[in-house]
Amino acid sequence: MLFTSYRLGGLALPNRIVMPPMTRSRAAAGNVPTALMAEYYAQRASAGLIISEGTQISQQGQGYAWTPGIHTPEQIAGWRGVTDAVHAAGGRLFAQLWHVGRVSHVSLQPGGAAPVSSSPRVADGVKVFIDPDGKGPETGVGGMVQHSVPRALSEAEIAQVVRDFASAARNALEAGFDGVELHGANGYLINQFIDSRANTRTDGYGGSLPNRLRFLREVSEAVAAVTGPERLGVRLAPLTTLQGTVDDTPQATYLGAAKALDDIGVVYLHIAEADWEDAPEMPPAFKEALRLIYRGTLIYAGRYTAERAETALHDGWADLIGFGRPFVANPDLPNRLRRGLPLNEPDGNHFFGGAQVGYTDYPAAMAGNDAP
């Protein structure tokens, strides 16, 4: 089933393989996407769907050095070069819209301000990647530092962030993306509102589950009004506790989130499973419940092999499968998976920053890959 076609909203996907978002920190000055980034994404256009690396909706939304934005004319033009290259190669590309919330540093914030979050809580040990010397991404040399102490957003500021998401969605369409994904996972801003231990608010955005889901719902509704729900997906991470976001009743919380997003009609949920060794497994009953509550497309990502992917598709709780790190080193991953060929191993020394080494120089299995 992995190599069968699939209809996602208005898009015809040639296979069910998704390249999920992966931060690579190669943007140029002004957080502008580059021709090298266009080459990288176009190399991987045989995926059924590519979801871009996290793309900040505003300068306030940035949490790491050299990540691309989508809030200035220069950034929009840079992304247009990427989408044109992917479409010319026969691919399909969604933009992942990103606000990191507290997972940032004052050196990355407008005017050196404190990062913002649902609540003024520090996640001890959560680090961000900064460029302390201002030398740029080509050096690949940055530093990991503890995120700065955040402050809580006011209700008026929350409304502005919702508008920023909608504006970024408009910019993504102008840049030629086929749709957008909201990053509601991995401990970033939307996740900081959802999870009970990250959100200590006592107003209409905190406390009860409907209140904690309110920000997710408002952002999703605002973006769907721009793109149409058939061009909007949302990424969630129900059981992970990345970057200090912990929920006391994750299954109830995320089934509630799935119901809210089903009501809005978003085209897919992208479920990020834990991908580290000895990570907790999502219980099959939870996956079955998600399938019952949410009627759209379900994408799962996290340590999948071709065999595990086929099982997930056959069992019916997944429609599409994301392969993350394998796509870093294997631009022709669908071809390799289909033919059972060995995979290149990614070089972790070049995951973040740098130029073409460890980015666009991984070889395909053979000259002239088979068509997807």
Protein backbone atom coordinates (compact mmCIF):
# COMPACT_ATOMS: atom_id res chain seq x y z
CA MET A 1 0.00 0.00 0.00
CA LEU A 2 2.92 2.39 0.60
CA PHE A 3 3.33 2.86 -3.15
CA THR A 4 -0.31 3.31 -4.06
CA SER A 5 -1.75 6.71 -4.94
CA TYR A 6 -3.81 8.77 -2.49
CA ARG A 7 -6.10 11.78 -2.73
CA LEU A 8 -5.35 14.47 -0.13
CA GLY A 9 -7.91 17.23 -0.48
CA GLY A 10 -7.35 18.50 -4.00
CA LEU A 11 -3.92 16.89 -4.36
CA ALA A 12 -3.24 13.59 -6.08
CA LEU A 13 -0.30 11.94 -4.28
CA PRO A 14 1.62 9.28 -6.27
CA ASN A 15 2.52 7.37 -3.13
CA ARG A 16 1.86 7.44 0.62
CA ILE A 17 5.35 8.47 1.68
CA VAL A 18 5.66 11.83 3.43
CA MET A 19 8.81 13.81 4.05
CA PRO A 20 8.04 15.45 7.42
CA PRO A 21 9.42 18.77 8.67
CA MET A 22 13.13 18.71 9.56
CA THR A 23 15.02 21.80 10.69
CA ARG A 24 18.24 22.16 8.69
CA SER A 25 19.20 25.81 9.49
CA ARG A 26 20.39 26.84 6.03
CA ALA A 27 18.50 30.13 5.55
CA ALA A 28 20.46 33.19 4.46
CA ALA A 29 20.62 36.63 6.09
CA GLY A 30 17.15 37.84 6.95
CA ASN A 31 16.06 34.20 7.34
CA VAL A 32 15.50 34.03 3.58
CA PRO A 33 15.27 30.63 1.83
CA THR A 34 18.05 30.05 -0.69
CA ALA A 35 18.71 28.37 -4.04
CA LEU A 36 20.52 25.61 -2.11
CA MET A 37 17.33 24.96 -0.16
CA ALA A 38 15.40 24.79 -3.45
CA GLU A 39 17.84 22.16 -4.69
CA TYR A 40 17.50 20.16 -1.45
CA TYR A 41 13.71 20.03 -1.58
CA ALA A 42 13.55 19.38 -5.34
CA GLN A 43 15.89 16.41 -4.90
CA ARG A 44 13.22 14.85 -2.65
CA ALA A 45 10.20 15.62 -4.85
CA SER A 46 9.39 11.92 -5.39
CA ALA A 47 7.79 11.89 -1.91
CA GLY A 48 4.02 11.77 -2.06
CA LEU A 49 4.05 14.95 0.04
CA ILE A 50 6.82 17.15 1.42
CA ILE A 51 6.18 19.27 4.50
CA SER A 52 8.73 22.05 4.84
CA GLU A 53 10.97 22.62 7.80
CA GLY A 54 9.44 24.74 10.54
CA THR A 55 8.97 28.27 9.18
CA GLN A 56 8.47 31.08 11.65
CA ILE A 57 5.41 33.24 11.20
CA SER A 58 7.11 36.30 12.69
CA GLN A 59 10.45 37.25 14.20
CA GLN A 60 8.88 36.63 17.60
CA GLY A 61 8.19 33.07 16.47
CA GLN A 62 11.85 32.24 15.81
CA GLY A 63 13.72 29.96 18.20
CA TYR A 64 16.87 28.87 16.39
CA ALA A 65 19.51 30.52 14.24
CA TRP A 66 19.27 30.36 10.44
CA THR A 67 15.71 29.02 10.24
CA PRO A 68 13.56 30.44 7.43
CA GLY A 69 10.66 32.78 7.96
CA ILE A 70 7.59 33.58 5.91
CA HIS A 71 6.72 37.08 7.08
CA THR A 72 8.76 39.40 4.81
CA PRO A 73 8.65 39.97 1.03
CA GLU A 74 12.19 38.63 0.70
CA GLN A 75 11.27 35.42 2.52
CA ILE A 76 8.18 34.94 0.35
CA ALA A 77 10.30 35.38 -2.77
CA GLY A 78 12.87 32.90 -1.44
CA TRP A 79 10.17 30.32 -0.80
CA ARG A 80 8.78 30.90 -4.29
CA GLY A 81 12.13 29.67 -5.62
CA VAL A 82 11.73 26.52 -3.51
CA THR A 83 8.14 25.78 -4.49
CA ASP A 84 8.87 26.40 -8.18
CA ALA A 85 11.76 23.92 -8.03
CA VAL A 86 9.68 21.27 -6.25
CA HIS A 87 6.76 21.65 -8.65
CA ALA A 88 9.09 21.52 -11.67
CA ALA A 89 10.38 18.21 -10.30
CA GLY A 90 6.81 16.91 -9.99
CA GLY A 91 6.44 17.30 -6.22
CA ARG A 92 3.91 18.68 -3.76
CA LEU A 93 4.87 20.91 -0.82
CA PHE A 94 3.11 22.18 2.31
CA ALA A 95 4.64 24.90 4.53
CA GLN A 96 4.88 24.14 8.23
CA LEU A 97 3.93 27.34 10.08
CA TRP A 98 5.83 27.68 13.33
CA HIS A 99 5.84 29.82 16.44
CA VAL A 100 8.25 28.41 19.01
CA GLY A 101 6.89 30.33 21.99
CA ARG A 102 9.24 30.07 24.96
CA VAL A 103 11.76 27.87 23.10
CA SER A 104 13.80 30.87 22.04
CA HIS A 105 16.51 33.23 23.20
CA VAL A 106 16.55 37.00 23.67
CA SER A 107 19.23 37.28 20.95
CA LEU A 108 16.67 36.01 18.42
CA GLN A 109 13.75 38.15 19.59
CA PRO A 110 12.76 41.61 18.32
CA GLY A 111 14.73 44.18 20.27
CA GLY A 112 16.12 41.50 22.59
CA ALA A 113 12.71 41.02 24.24
CA ALA A 114 11.78 38.00 26.33
CA PRO A 115 10.22 35.08 24.45
CA VAL A 116 6.49 34.58 24.94
CA SER A 117 4.43 31.58 25.98
CA SER A 118 1.12 30.57 27.46
CA SER A 119 2.70 30.97 30.89
CA PRO A 120 5.91 32.39 32.41
CA ARG A 121 7.43 28.94 32.95
CA VAL A 122 10.98 27.88 32.18
CA ALA A 123 11.64 24.40 30.80
CA ASP A 124 14.90 23.52 32.50
CA GLY A 125 17.48 22.02 30.20
CA VAL A 126 15.68 23.01 27.02
CA LYS A 127 18.28 24.56 24.74
CA VAL A 128 18.15 26.56 21.53
CA PHE A 129 20.68 27.02 18.75
CA ILE A 130 22.04 30.54 18.34
CA ASP A 131 24.72 32.25 16.24
CA PRO A 132 26.73 34.02 18.94
CA ASP A 133 29.31 35.42 16.53
CA GLY A 134 26.97 36.38 13.70
CA LYS A 135 29.00 34.45 11.14
CA GLY A 136 26.02 32.94 9.32
CA PRO A 137 24.93 29.42 8.41
CA GLU A 138 27.77 28.62 6.00
CA THR A 139 30.15 28.06 8.90
CA GLY A 140 27.80 25.55 10.51
CA VAL A 141 29.14 26.83 13.83
CA GLY A 142 26.63 27.92 16.43
CA GLY A 143 26.00 27.34 20.10
CA MET A 144 23.35 25.59 22.21
CA VAL A 145 22.12 27.66 25.16
CA GLN A 146 19.29 27.41 27.69
CA HIS A 147 16.16 29.13 26.42
CA SER A 148 15.45 32.53 27.91
CA VAL A 149 12.84 33.13 30.62
CA PRO A 150 9.48 33.70 28.89
CA ARG A 151 6.58 35.95 29.74
CA ALA A 152 2.90 35.09 29.33
CA LEU A 153 1.03 36.48 26.36
CA SER A 154 -1.87 38.81 27.13
CA GLU A 155 -5.22 38.05 25.51
CA ALA A 156 -4.70 40.96 23.11
CA GLU A 157 -1.29 39.56 22.16
CA ILE A 158 -2.80 36.12 21.63
CA ALA A 159 -5.19 37.66 19.12
CA GLN A 160 -2.21 39.20 17.31
CA VAL A 161 -0.42 35.85 17.12
CA VAL A 162 -3.58 34.33 15.63
CA ARG A 163 -3.50 37.09 13.00
CA ASP A 164 0.20 36.38 12.40
CA PHE A 165 -0.60 32.74 11.65
CA ALA A 166 -3.30 33.80 9.19
CA SER A 167 -0.94 36.28 7.53
CA ALA A 168 1.76 33.63 7.24
CA ALA A 169 -0.75 31.29 5.60
CA ARG A 170 -1.57 34.01 3.07
CA ASN A 171 2.14 34.45 2.41
CA ALA A 172 2.57 30.69 1.97
CA LEU A 173 -0.08 30.63 -0.74
CA GLU A 174 1.57 33.63 -2.41
CA ALA A 175 4.86 31.74 -2.30
CA GLY A 176 3.30 28.82 -4.16
CA PHE A 177 2.86 26.24 -1.43
CA ASP A 178 0.14 23.64 -1.98
CA GLY A 179 -1.05 24.03 1.61
CA VAL A 180 0.12 24.63 5.17
CA GLU A 181 0.64 22.64 8.35
CA LEU A 182 0.36 24.14 11.83
CA HIS A 183 3.10 22.99 14.19
CA GLY A 184 1.17 22.02 17.31
CA ALA A 185 3.76 19.55 18.59
CA ASN A 186 7.23 19.20 20.11
CA GLY A 187 6.84 21.74 22.88
CA TYR A 188 6.30 24.87 20.76
CA LEU A 189 3.72 27.60 21.30
CA ILE A 190 0.50 25.79 20.38
CA ASN A 191 1.68 22.81 22.44
CA GLN A 192 2.46 25.17 25.34
CA PHE A 193 -1.22 26.10 25.45
CA ILE A 194 -2.52 22.53 25.10
CA ASP A 195 -0.54 20.63 27.73
CA SER A 196 -1.70 20.99 31.31
CA ARG A 197 1.70 21.33 32.98
CA ALA A 198 2.90 23.98 30.53
CA ASN A 199 -0.24 26.11 30.82
CA THR A 200 -0.92 27.70 34.20
CA ARG A 201 -3.28 30.41 32.96
CA THR A 202 -6.48 31.21 34.84
CA ASP A 203 -8.26 33.09 32.03
CA GLY A 204 -10.17 31.74 29.04
CA TYR A 205 -7.03 30.13 27.61
CA GLY A 206 -6.15 27.97 30.62
CA GLY A 207 -7.50 25.51 33.14
CA SER A 208 -10.18 23.37 31.52
CA LEU A 209 -9.49 21.33 28.40
CA PRO A 210 -11.75 23.47 26.17
CA ASN A 211 -9.84 26.54 27.37
CA ARG A 212 -6.45 24.94 26.73
CA LEU A 213 -7.58 23.94 23.24
CA ARG A 214 -8.94 27.42 22.49
CA PHE A 215 -5.69 28.77 21.00
CA LEU A 216 -5.33 25.74 18.72
CA ARG A 217 -8.93 26.13 17.63
CA GLU A 218 -8.66 29.87 16.98
CA VAL A 219 -5.44 29.52 14.98
CA SER A 220 -6.87 26.65 12.95
CA GLU A 221 -10.07 28.53 12.19
CA ALA A 222 -8.18 31.67 11.18
CA VAL A 223 -5.82 29.77 8.87
CA ALA A 224 -8.62 27.63 7.40
CA ALA A 225 -10.43 30.86 6.50
CA VAL A 226 -7.38 31.77 4.38
CA THR A 227 -6.42 28.44 2.83
CA GLY A 228 -9.64 26.47 3.03
CA PRO A 229 -9.64 23.47 5.39
CA GLU A 230 -8.74 21.18 2.49
CA ARG A 231 -5.29 22.82 2.40
CA LEU A 232 -4.66 22.82 6.14
CA GLY A 233 -3.04 20.10 8.24
CA VAL A 234 -2.03 20.09 11.91
CA ARG A 235 0.86 18.29 13.57
CA LEU A 236 0.32 16.96 17.11
CA ALA A 237 2.50 14.89 19.46
CA PRO A 238 0.10 13.27 21.94
CA LEU A 239 2.46 11.20 24.08
CA THR A 240 5.80 12.96 23.75
CA THR A 241 7.07 15.28 26.46
CA LEU A 242 9.54 17.22 24.36
CA GLN A 243 10.89 20.54 25.60
CA GLY A 244 9.04 20.56 28.86
CA THR A 245 5.47 20.08 27.65
CA VAL A 246 3.73 17.43 29.74
CA ASP A 247 0.02 16.71 29.96
CA ASP A 248 -1.59 14.87 32.86
CA THR A 249 -4.22 13.13 30.71
CA PRO A 250 -2.73 13.04 27.20
CA GLN A 251 -5.17 10.61 25.64
CA ALA A 252 -8.21 12.61 26.73
CA THR A 253 -6.50 15.87 25.77
CA TYR A 254 -5.52 14.81 22.28
CA LEU A 255 -8.75 13.03 21.49
CA GLY A 256 -10.36 16.36 22.40
CA ALA A 257 -7.96 18.16 20.06
CA ALA A 258 -8.74 15.69 17.28
CA LYS A 259 -12.48 16.29 17.72
CA ALA A 260 -12.00 20.08 17.58
CA LEU A 261 -9.94 19.79 14.39
CA ASP A 262 -12.42 17.36 12.86
CA ASP A 263 -15.15 19.93 13.47
CA ILE A 264 -13.09 22.51 11.57
CA GLY A 265 -12.48 19.99 8.79
CA VAL A 266 -8.70 20.19 8.50
CA VAL A 267 -7.46 17.86 5.78
CA TYR A 268 -5.02 15.89 7.92
CA LEU A 269 -3.62 15.28 11.37
CA HIS A 270 0.09 14.58 11.44
CA ILE A 271 0.81 12.49 14.52
CA ALA A 272 4.41 12.66 15.73
CA GLU A 273 5.25 9.51 17.62
CA ALA A 274 8.28 9.41 19.90
CA ASP A 275 11.36 8.50 17.87
CA TRP A 276 14.05 7.94 20.48
CA GLU A 277 15.22 4.59 21.84
CA ASP A 278 12.94 3.05 24.49
CA ALA A 279 10.31 5.70 23.78
CA PRO A 280 6.71 5.04 24.82
CA GLU A 281 4.60 3.38 22.16
CA MET A 282 1.19 4.76 21.28
CA PRO A 283 -1.35 2.12 22.35
CA PRO A 284 -3.28 0.61 19.43
CA ALA A 285 -6.55 1.48 21.18
CA PHE A 286 -5.54 5.16 21.19
CA LYS A 287 -4.82 5.05 17.46
CA GLU A 288 -8.14 3.35 16.84
CA ALA A 289 -9.92 6.01 18.88
CA LEU A 290 -8.23 8.76 16.85
CA ARG A 291 -9.47 7.07 13.69
CA LEU A 292 -13.02 7.02 15.03
CA ILE A 293 -13.01 10.65 16.21
CA TYR A 294 -11.12 12.25 13.33
CA ARG A 295 -12.54 11.59 9.85
CA GLY A 296 -9.77 13.12 7.71
CA THR A 297 -6.35 11.86 6.67
CA LEU A 298 -4.03 10.54 9.38
CA ILE A 299 -0.26 10.79 8.93
CA TYR A 300 2.04 9.03 11.39
CA ALA A 301 5.78 9.66 11.70
CA GLY A 302 8.44 8.24 14.02
CA ARG A 303 10.97 5.41 13.51
CA TYR A 304 9.05 3.88 10.63
CA THR A 305 10.56 1.26 8.35
CA ALA A 306 8.88 0.15 5.14
CA GLU A 307 7.59 -2.92 6.99
CA ARG A 308 6.12 -0.95 9.91
CA ALA A 309 4.59 1.49 7.45
CA GLU A 310 2.87 -1.28 5.51
CA THR A 311 1.45 -2.67 8.75
CA ALA A 312 0.10 0.74 9.80
CA LEU A 313 -1.56 1.24 6.42
CA HIS A 314 -2.94 -2.29 6.29
CA ASP A 315 -4.36 -2.07 9.82
CA GLY A 316 -6.21 1.07 8.80
CA TRP A 317 -5.15 3.57 11.46
CA ALA A 318 -2.79 5.45 9.11
CA ASP A 319 -3.25 6.78 5.58
CA LEU A 320 0.21 8.25 5.01
CA ILE A 321 3.57 7.62 6.70
CA GLY A 322 6.35 10.11 7.40
CA PHE A 323 10.01 9.10 7.14
CA GLY A 324 12.20 11.76 8.72
CA ARG A 325 15.93 11.10 9.06
CA PRO A 326 15.99 8.61 6.16
CA PHE A 327 15.08 11.50 3.84
CA VAL A 328 18.08 13.51 5.05
CA ALA A 329 20.55 11.10 3.45
CA ASN A 330 18.36 9.53 0.76
CA PRO A 331 16.88 12.05 -1.67
CA ASP A 332 15.47 9.11 -3.66
CA LEU A 333 13.96 7.41 -0.61
CA PRO A 334 10.71 6.20 -2.28
CA ASN A 335 12.75 4.50 -5.01
CA ARG A 336 15.03 2.86 -2.44
CA LEU A 337 12.13 1.67 -0.28
CA ARG A 338 10.24 0.28 -3.24
CA ARG A 339 13.25 -1.65 -4.52
CA GLY A 340 14.52 -2.72 -1.08
CA LEU A 341 17.86 -0.96 -1.58
CA PRO A 342 20.25 -0.06 1.25
CA LEU A 343 19.90 3.42 2.74
CA ASN A 344 22.64 6.01 3.09
CA GLU A 345 23.39 6.93 6.71
CA PRO A 346 22.93 10.61 7.60
CA ASP A 347 25.88 12.58 8.93
CA GLY A 348 24.73 14.21 12.17
CA ASN A 349 27.62 16.68 12.06
CA HIS A 350 25.88 18.47 9.21
CA PHE A 351 22.26 18.40 10.31
CA PHE A 352 22.21 22.10 11.25
CA GLY A 353 23.94 24.87 9.35
CA GLY A 354 26.64 24.64 6.73
CA ALA A 355 26.34 24.48 2.96
CA GLN A 356 25.94 21.57 0.55
CA VAL A 357 27.94 19.01 2.55
CA GLY A 358 25.52 16.72 4.37
CA TYR A 359 22.63 18.51 2.67
CA THR A 360 22.48 18.23 -1.12
CA ASP A 361 25.48 15.94 -1.73
CA TYR A 362 23.95 12.58 -0.76
CA PRO A 363 23.91 10.28 -3.81
CA ALA A 364 20.86 8.68 -5.34
CA ALA A 365 20.91 4.92 -5.69
CA MET A 366 21.38 5.16 -9.46
CA ALA A 367 21.40 7.75 -12.19
CA GLY A 368 17.90 8.59 -13.29
CA ASN A 369 15.70 7.27 -10.51
CA ASP A 370 12.55 5.37 -11.47
CA ALA A 371 9.50 7.60 -11.55
CA PRO A 372 7.61 7.62 -8.23
